[in-house]
């Protein structure tokens, strides 16, 4: 799978995830099925959902940089380190979703696993692009 295709799929999935979290905030989706069923009240929900949306937006920004969709970029090494951190987080989140209290949240283990695979694909193929970039210099 090409780097750009993985980035595009990830961006599409991130949009869906952000829309899900917005749905929780506006109470179209009950918050007791999110966050492993551990949220106790609206205040906790607003904090957790806002943080989640910000984190997903940040990942989207990094992916836009990696895919060269925007001119502003972190250094290549910084972008890759951030993606490695997200890879680890998605693997841990997959395990956490497997042990969630609700079946709905458990089903998100599939999504987080797919996100981890896509990030792995991007990180794996970056070596080819980085090598070609270095040889041109």
N, C-alpha and C. Protein backbone atom coordinates (compact mmCIF):
# COMPACT_ATOMS: atom_id res chain seq x y z
N UNK A 1 0.86 -1.18 0.00
CA UNK A 1 0.00 0.00 0.00
C UNK A 1 0.90 1.23 0.00
N UNK A 2 0.59 2.16 -0.83
CA UNK A 2 1.41 3.35 -0.93
C UNK A 2 1.19 4.27 0.26
N UNK A 3 2.22 5.04 0.56
CA UNK A 3 2.21 5.98 1.68
C UNK A 3 1.01 6.93 1.61
N UNK A 4 0.78 7.53 0.45
CA UNK A 4 -0.27 8.53 0.28
C UNK A 4 -1.66 7.90 0.50
N UNK A 5 -1.85 6.68 0.00
CA UNK A 5 -3.13 5.99 0.18
C UNK A 5 -3.39 5.73 1.67
N UNK A 6 -2.38 5.27 2.40
CA UNK A 6 -2.52 5.04 3.84
C UNK A 6 -2.87 6.34 4.56
N UNK A 7 -2.22 7.42 4.17
CA UNK A 7 -2.50 8.73 4.78
C UNK A 7 -3.93 9.15 4.50
N UNK A 8 -4.37 8.98 3.25
CA UNK A 8 -5.74 9.37 2.89
C UNK A 8 -6.79 8.55 3.65
N UNK A 9 -6.55 7.26 3.77
CA UNK A 9 -7.48 6.41 4.53
C UNK A 9 -7.52 6.84 5.99
N UNK A 10 -6.34 7.09 6.56
CA UNK A 10 -6.27 7.55 7.96
C UNK A 10 -7.00 8.87 8.15
N UNK A 11 -6.83 9.80 7.22
CA UNK A 11 -7.51 11.09 7.34
C UNK A 11 -9.03 10.89 7.30
N UNK A 12 -9.50 10.02 6.42
CA UNK A 12 -10.93 9.74 6.36
C UNK A 12 -11.45 9.12 7.65
N UNK A 13 -10.70 8.17 8.20
CA UNK A 13 -11.09 7.54 9.46
C UNK A 13 -11.07 8.56 10.61
N UNK A 14 -10.09 9.45 10.61
CA UNK A 14 -10.03 10.48 11.65
C UNK A 14 -11.23 11.41 11.60
N UNK A 15 -11.66 11.74 10.40
CA UNK A 15 -12.86 12.58 10.26
C UNK A 15 -14.06 11.85 10.87
N UNK A 16 -14.18 10.56 10.59
CA UNK A 16 -15.29 9.78 11.15
C UNK A 16 -15.20 9.72 12.68
N UNK A 17 -14.00 9.54 13.21
CA UNK A 17 -13.81 9.48 14.66
C UNK A 17 -14.16 10.82 15.31
N UNK A 18 -13.73 11.90 14.70
CA UNK A 18 -14.03 13.23 15.23
C UNK A 18 -15.54 13.48 15.21
N UNK A 19 -16.19 13.08 14.13
CA UNK A 19 -17.66 13.22 14.06
C UNK A 19 -18.35 12.39 15.15
N UNK A 20 -17.81 11.20 15.43
CA UNK A 20 -18.34 10.38 16.51
C UNK A 20 -18.24 11.14 17.83
N UNK A 21 -17.07 11.71 18.12
CA UNK A 21 -16.87 12.43 19.38
C UNK A 21 -17.75 13.68 19.47
N UNK A 22 -17.95 14.34 18.34
CA UNK A 22 -18.88 15.48 18.34
C UNK A 22 -20.30 14.98 18.63
N UNK A 23 -20.64 13.83 18.08
CA UNK A 23 -21.95 13.22 18.37
C UNK A 23 -22.14 12.93 19.85
N UNK A 24 -21.07 12.53 20.52
CA UNK A 24 -21.14 12.30 21.97
C UNK A 24 -21.34 13.63 22.70
N UNK A 25 -20.60 14.65 22.29
CA UNK A 25 -20.70 15.96 22.94
C UNK A 25 -22.10 16.54 22.82
N UNK A 26 -22.71 16.43 21.63
CA UNK A 26 -24.05 17.00 21.44
C UNK A 26 -25.14 16.02 21.85
N UNK A 27 -24.73 14.90 22.42
CA UNK A 27 -25.60 13.88 23.01
C UNK A 27 -26.48 13.16 21.99
N UNK A 28 -26.00 13.07 20.76
CA UNK A 28 -26.65 12.19 19.79
C UNK A 28 -26.26 10.75 20.09
N UNK A 29 -25.08 10.60 20.66
CA UNK A 29 -24.57 9.30 21.07
C UNK A 29 -24.39 9.34 22.58
N UNK A 30 -24.98 8.39 23.30
CA UNK A 30 -24.84 8.42 24.76
C UNK A 30 -23.39 8.19 25.20
N UNK A 31 -22.93 9.00 26.15
CA UNK A 31 -21.52 8.90 26.55
C UNK A 31 -21.23 7.65 27.36
N UNK A 32 -22.26 6.95 27.83
CA UNK A 32 -21.99 5.74 28.59
C UNK A 32 -21.48 4.59 27.72
N UNK A 33 -21.53 4.76 26.38
CA UNK A 33 -20.95 3.72 25.52
C UNK A 33 -19.55 4.09 25.07
N UNK A 34 -19.13 5.31 25.38
CA UNK A 34 -17.78 5.75 25.02
C UNK A 34 -16.86 5.62 26.23
N UNK A 35 -15.57 5.64 25.95
CA UNK A 35 -14.55 5.59 27.00
C UNK A 35 -14.69 4.37 27.91
N UNK A 36 -15.06 3.26 27.30
CA UNK A 36 -15.14 2.00 28.05
C UNK A 36 -16.25 1.99 29.09
N UNK A 37 -17.21 2.90 28.97
CA UNK A 37 -18.31 2.96 29.92
C UNK A 37 -17.90 3.51 31.27
N UNK A 38 -16.77 4.19 31.34
CA UNK A 38 -16.23 4.66 32.62
C UNK A 38 -16.59 6.10 32.97
N UNK A 39 -17.16 6.86 32.04
CA UNK A 39 -17.51 8.25 32.34
C UNK A 39 -18.70 8.30 33.29
N UNK A 40 -18.60 9.18 34.29
CA UNK A 40 -19.61 9.24 35.33
C UNK A 40 -20.61 10.39 35.17
N UNK A 41 -20.19 11.47 34.50
CA UNK A 41 -21.08 12.63 34.38
C UNK A 41 -20.73 13.46 33.15
N UNK A 42 -21.56 14.48 32.91
CA UNK A 42 -21.35 15.35 31.73
C UNK A 42 -20.01 16.06 31.78
N UNK A 43 -19.59 16.51 32.95
CA UNK A 43 -18.32 17.25 33.06
C UNK A 43 -17.15 16.39 32.58
N UNK A 44 -17.10 15.15 33.03
CA UNK A 44 -16.05 14.24 32.59
C UNK A 44 -16.13 14.03 31.09
N UNK A 45 -17.34 13.86 30.59
CA UNK A 45 -17.54 13.61 29.16
C UNK A 45 -17.00 14.77 28.34
N UNK A 46 -17.32 16.01 28.72
CA UNK A 46 -16.86 17.17 27.95
C UNK A 46 -15.34 17.25 27.92
N UNK A 47 -14.71 16.98 29.06
CA UNK A 47 -13.24 17.03 29.12
C UNK A 47 -12.63 15.94 28.25
N UNK A 48 -13.09 14.70 28.43
CA UNK A 48 -12.54 13.58 27.68
C UNK A 48 -12.77 13.74 26.18
N UNK A 49 -13.96 14.17 25.80
CA UNK A 49 -14.26 14.32 24.38
C UNK A 49 -13.46 15.47 23.76
N UNK A 50 -13.31 16.57 24.48
CA UNK A 50 -12.53 17.70 23.96
C UNK A 50 -11.08 17.30 23.76
N UNK A 51 -10.52 16.60 24.74
CA UNK A 51 -9.13 16.13 24.62
C UNK A 51 -9.00 15.17 23.45
N UNK A 52 -9.94 14.27 23.31
CA UNK A 52 -9.90 13.31 22.21
C UNK A 52 -9.96 14.00 20.86
N UNK A 53 -10.83 14.97 20.73
CA UNK A 53 -10.94 15.71 19.46
C UNK A 53 -9.64 16.45 19.16
N UNK A 54 -9.06 17.08 20.18
CA UNK A 54 -7.79 17.80 19.97
C UNK A 54 -6.67 16.86 19.56
N UNK A 55 -6.59 15.71 20.18
CA UNK A 55 -5.56 14.73 19.83
C UNK A 55 -5.75 14.23 18.40
N UNK A 56 -7.00 13.95 18.04
CA UNK A 56 -7.26 13.49 16.67
C UNK A 56 -6.97 14.58 15.64
N UNK A 57 -7.29 15.83 15.97
CA UNK A 57 -6.96 16.94 15.07
C UNK A 57 -5.44 17.08 14.91
N UNK A 58 -4.71 16.90 16.01
CA UNK A 58 -3.24 16.96 15.95
C UNK A 58 -2.70 15.86 15.05
N UNK A 59 -3.22 14.63 15.22
CA UNK A 59 -2.78 13.53 14.35
C UNK A 59 -3.10 13.86 12.89
N UNK A 60 -4.27 14.42 12.65
CA UNK A 60 -4.62 14.81 11.29
C UNK A 60 -3.64 15.83 10.73
N UNK A 61 -3.24 16.80 11.54
CA UNK A 61 -2.26 17.80 11.12
C UNK A 61 -0.93 17.14 10.76
N UNK A 62 -0.48 16.22 11.59
CA UNK A 62 0.78 15.52 11.33
C UNK A 62 0.67 14.72 10.03
N UNK A 63 -0.46 14.08 9.81
CA UNK A 63 -0.65 13.31 8.57
C UNK A 63 -0.68 14.23 7.35
N UNK A 64 -1.29 15.40 7.49
CA UNK A 64 -1.29 16.36 6.39
C UNK A 64 0.14 16.80 6.06
N UNK A 65 0.96 16.94 7.10
CA UNK A 65 2.37 17.28 6.89
C UNK A 65 3.10 16.13 6.20
N UNK A 66 2.89 14.94 6.71
CA UNK A 66 3.58 13.75 6.16
C UNK A 66 3.19 13.52 4.71
N UNK A 67 1.93 13.76 4.38
CA UNK A 67 1.48 13.58 3.01
C UNK A 67 1.78 14.76 2.11
N UNK A 68 2.43 15.78 2.68
CA UNK A 68 2.80 17.00 1.96
C UNK A 68 1.58 17.73 1.39
N UNK A 69 0.48 17.70 2.15
CA UNK A 69 -0.73 18.44 1.77
C UNK A 69 -0.66 19.90 2.22
N UNK A 70 0.18 20.16 3.22
CA UNK A 70 0.33 21.53 3.70
C UNK A 70 1.82 21.87 3.69
N UNK A 71 2.11 23.16 3.55
CA UNK A 71 3.51 23.60 3.46
C UNK A 71 4.19 23.59 4.82
N UNK A 72 3.46 24.02 5.86
CA UNK A 72 4.06 24.03 7.20
C UNK A 72 4.33 22.59 7.60
N UNK A 73 5.55 22.33 8.03
CA UNK A 73 5.89 20.97 8.44
C UNK A 73 6.84 20.99 9.62
N UNK A 74 6.67 19.98 10.46
CA UNK A 74 7.70 19.70 11.45
C UNK A 74 8.85 19.05 10.68
N UNK A 75 10.00 18.95 11.34
CA UNK A 75 11.10 18.22 10.72
C UNK A 75 10.65 16.77 10.51
N UNK A 76 11.22 16.15 9.49
CA UNK A 76 10.85 14.77 9.13
C UNK A 76 11.00 13.82 10.33
N UNK A 77 12.08 13.97 11.07
CA UNK A 77 12.32 13.10 12.23
C UNK A 77 11.25 13.32 13.29
N UNK A 78 10.88 14.57 13.54
CA UNK A 78 9.84 14.90 14.52
C UNK A 78 8.51 14.28 14.12
N UNK A 79 8.16 14.41 12.85
CA UNK A 79 6.91 13.83 12.35
C UNK A 79 6.91 12.32 12.56
N UNK A 80 8.01 11.68 12.26
CA UNK A 80 8.08 10.23 12.43
C UNK A 80 8.01 9.81 13.90
N UNK A 81 8.64 10.57 14.77
CA UNK A 81 8.56 10.27 16.21
C UNK A 81 7.12 10.39 16.69
N UNK A 82 6.42 11.44 16.25
CA UNK A 82 5.02 11.62 16.63
C UNK A 82 4.19 10.43 16.13
N UNK A 83 4.44 9.99 14.91
CA UNK A 83 3.69 8.85 14.38
C UNK A 83 4.00 7.57 15.15
N UNK A 84 5.25 7.38 15.58
CA UNK A 84 5.59 6.22 16.41
C UNK A 84 4.82 6.27 17.73
N UNK A 85 4.72 7.45 18.31
CA UNK A 85 3.97 7.59 19.57
C UNK A 85 2.51 7.22 19.35
N UNK A 86 1.93 7.71 18.25
CA UNK A 86 0.54 7.36 17.95
C UNK A 86 0.38 5.87 17.68
N UNK A 87 1.36 5.25 17.04
CA UNK A 87 1.30 3.81 16.81
C UNK A 87 1.21 3.07 18.14
N UNK A 88 2.06 3.43 19.07
CA UNK A 88 2.05 2.79 20.39
C UNK A 88 0.71 3.05 21.08
N UNK A 89 0.22 4.28 21.01
CA UNK A 89 -1.07 4.61 21.64
C UNK A 89 -2.21 3.80 21.04
N UNK A 90 -2.22 3.64 19.72
CA UNK A 90 -3.29 2.88 19.09
C UNK A 90 -3.21 1.39 19.43
N UNK A 91 -2.01 0.86 19.55
CA UNK A 91 -1.87 -0.55 19.96
C UNK A 91 -2.40 -0.71 21.39
N UNK A 92 -2.00 0.21 22.28
CA UNK A 92 -2.50 0.15 23.66
C UNK A 92 -4.01 0.36 23.72
N UNK A 93 -4.52 1.27 22.89
CA UNK A 93 -5.95 1.53 22.85
C UNK A 93 -6.71 0.30 22.35
N UNK A 94 -6.12 -0.43 21.42
CA UNK A 94 -6.74 -1.66 20.93
C UNK A 94 -6.91 -2.65 22.08
N UNK A 95 -5.86 -2.81 22.86
CA UNK A 95 -5.93 -3.71 24.02
C UNK A 95 -6.97 -3.21 25.02
N UNK A 96 -6.97 -1.90 25.27
CA UNK A 96 -7.95 -1.32 26.19
C UNK A 96 -9.37 -1.51 25.70
N UNK A 97 -9.60 -1.35 24.41
CA UNK A 97 -10.95 -1.54 23.87
C UNK A 97 -11.42 -2.98 23.98
N UNK A 98 -10.50 -3.90 23.86
CA UNK A 98 -10.87 -5.32 24.00
C UNK A 98 -11.43 -5.58 25.40
N UNK A 99 -10.91 -4.87 26.41
CA UNK A 99 -11.35 -5.07 27.79
C UNK A 99 -12.38 -4.03 28.25
N UNK A 100 -12.97 -3.29 27.32
CA UNK A 100 -13.97 -2.28 27.68
C UNK A 100 -15.22 -2.94 28.26
N UNK A 101 -16.02 -2.13 28.96
CA UNK A 101 -17.24 -2.63 29.59
C UNK A 101 -18.37 -2.87 28.59
N UNK A 102 -18.43 -2.07 27.53
CA UNK A 102 -19.53 -2.18 26.58
C UNK A 102 -19.07 -2.88 25.29
N UNK A 103 -19.98 -3.64 24.69
CA UNK A 103 -19.66 -4.30 23.43
C UNK A 103 -19.40 -3.29 22.32
N UNK A 104 -20.12 -2.16 22.37
CA UNK A 104 -19.91 -1.12 21.37
C UNK A 104 -18.47 -0.63 21.42
N UNK A 105 -17.98 -0.37 22.61
CA UNK A 105 -16.60 0.10 22.75
C UNK A 105 -15.61 -1.01 22.38
N UNK A 106 -15.95 -2.25 22.68
CA UNK A 106 -15.08 -3.36 22.29
C UNK A 106 -14.93 -3.44 20.78
N UNK A 107 -15.99 -3.09 20.07
CA UNK A 107 -15.92 -3.15 18.61
C UNK A 107 -14.93 -2.12 18.05
N UNK A 108 -14.61 -1.10 18.82
CA UNK A 108 -13.64 -0.10 18.37
C UNK A 108 -12.21 -0.66 18.36
N UNK A 109 -12.02 -1.83 18.95
CA UNK A 109 -10.71 -2.47 18.89
C UNK A 109 -10.31 -2.71 17.43
N UNK A 110 -11.28 -3.03 16.60
CA UNK A 110 -11.01 -3.25 15.18
C UNK A 110 -10.52 -1.95 14.54
N UNK A 111 -11.21 -0.84 14.84
CA UNK A 111 -10.83 0.45 14.27
C UNK A 111 -9.43 0.87 14.72
N UNK A 112 -9.15 0.77 16.00
CA UNK A 112 -7.84 1.20 16.49
C UNK A 112 -6.73 0.30 15.96
N UNK A 113 -7.05 -0.98 15.74
CA UNK A 113 -6.07 -1.89 15.15
C UNK A 113 -5.78 -1.50 13.71
N UNK A 114 -6.83 -1.13 12.95
CA UNK A 114 -6.64 -0.68 11.57
C UNK A 114 -5.82 0.61 11.54
N UNK A 115 -6.12 1.54 12.46
CA UNK A 115 -5.34 2.77 12.54
C UNK A 115 -3.87 2.47 12.81
N UNK A 116 -3.60 1.53 13.70
CA UNK A 116 -2.22 1.15 14.02
C UNK A 116 -1.53 0.56 12.78
N UNK A 117 -2.23 -0.30 12.05
CA UNK A 117 -1.64 -0.90 10.84
C UNK A 117 -1.33 0.17 9.80
N UNK A 118 -2.25 1.12 9.61
CA UNK A 118 -2.02 2.18 8.63
C UNK A 118 -0.82 3.05 9.01
N UNK A 119 -0.71 3.38 10.30
CA UNK A 119 0.46 4.17 10.73
C UNK A 119 1.74 3.35 10.56
N UNK A 120 1.69 2.08 10.87
CA UNK A 120 2.85 1.21 10.66
C UNK A 120 3.26 1.20 9.19
N UNK A 121 2.26 1.14 8.30
CA UNK A 121 2.53 1.16 6.86
C UNK A 121 3.24 2.45 6.46
N UNK A 122 2.76 3.57 7.00
CA UNK A 122 3.38 4.87 6.70
C UNK A 122 4.82 4.91 7.21
N UNK A 123 5.02 4.44 8.43
CA UNK A 123 6.36 4.46 9.01
C UNK A 123 7.30 3.50 8.28
N UNK A 124 6.79 2.37 7.86
CA UNK A 124 7.60 1.38 7.17
C UNK A 124 8.04 1.89 5.80
N UNK A 125 7.14 2.53 5.07
CA UNK A 125 7.47 3.00 3.73
C UNK A 125 8.25 4.31 3.76
N UNK A 126 8.26 5.01 4.86
CA UNK A 126 8.98 6.28 4.94
C UNK A 126 10.46 6.09 4.69
N UNK A 127 11.00 4.95 5.02
CA UNK A 127 12.43 4.73 4.82
C UNK A 127 12.79 4.82 3.35
N UNK A 128 11.93 4.32 2.49
CA UNK A 128 12.17 4.38 1.05
C UNK A 128 12.19 5.84 0.60
N UNK A 129 11.18 6.60 1.03
CA UNK A 129 11.11 8.00 0.64
C UNK A 129 12.25 8.81 1.25
N UNK A 130 12.58 8.54 2.50
CA UNK A 130 13.67 9.27 3.14
C UNK A 130 15.00 8.99 2.43
N UNK A 131 15.22 7.75 2.04
CA UNK A 131 16.45 7.39 1.36
C UNK A 131 16.55 8.10 0.02
N UNK A 132 15.45 8.11 -0.74
CA UNK A 132 15.45 8.80 -2.02
C UNK A 132 15.65 10.30 -1.82
N UNK A 133 15.06 10.86 -0.77
CA UNK A 133 15.20 12.29 -0.48
C UNK A 133 16.65 12.62 -0.14
N UNK A 134 17.28 11.77 0.66
CA UNK A 134 18.66 11.99 1.07
C UNK A 134 19.61 11.88 -0.13
N UNK A 135 19.35 10.92 -1.04
CA UNK A 135 20.22 10.75 -2.19
C UNK A 135 20.19 11.94 -3.12
N UNK A 136 19.07 12.68 -3.16
CA UNK A 136 18.95 13.85 -4.03
C UNK A 136 19.76 15.02 -3.51
N UNK A 137 20.08 15.02 -2.23
CA UNK A 137 20.79 16.14 -1.62
C UNK A 137 22.25 16.05 -1.80
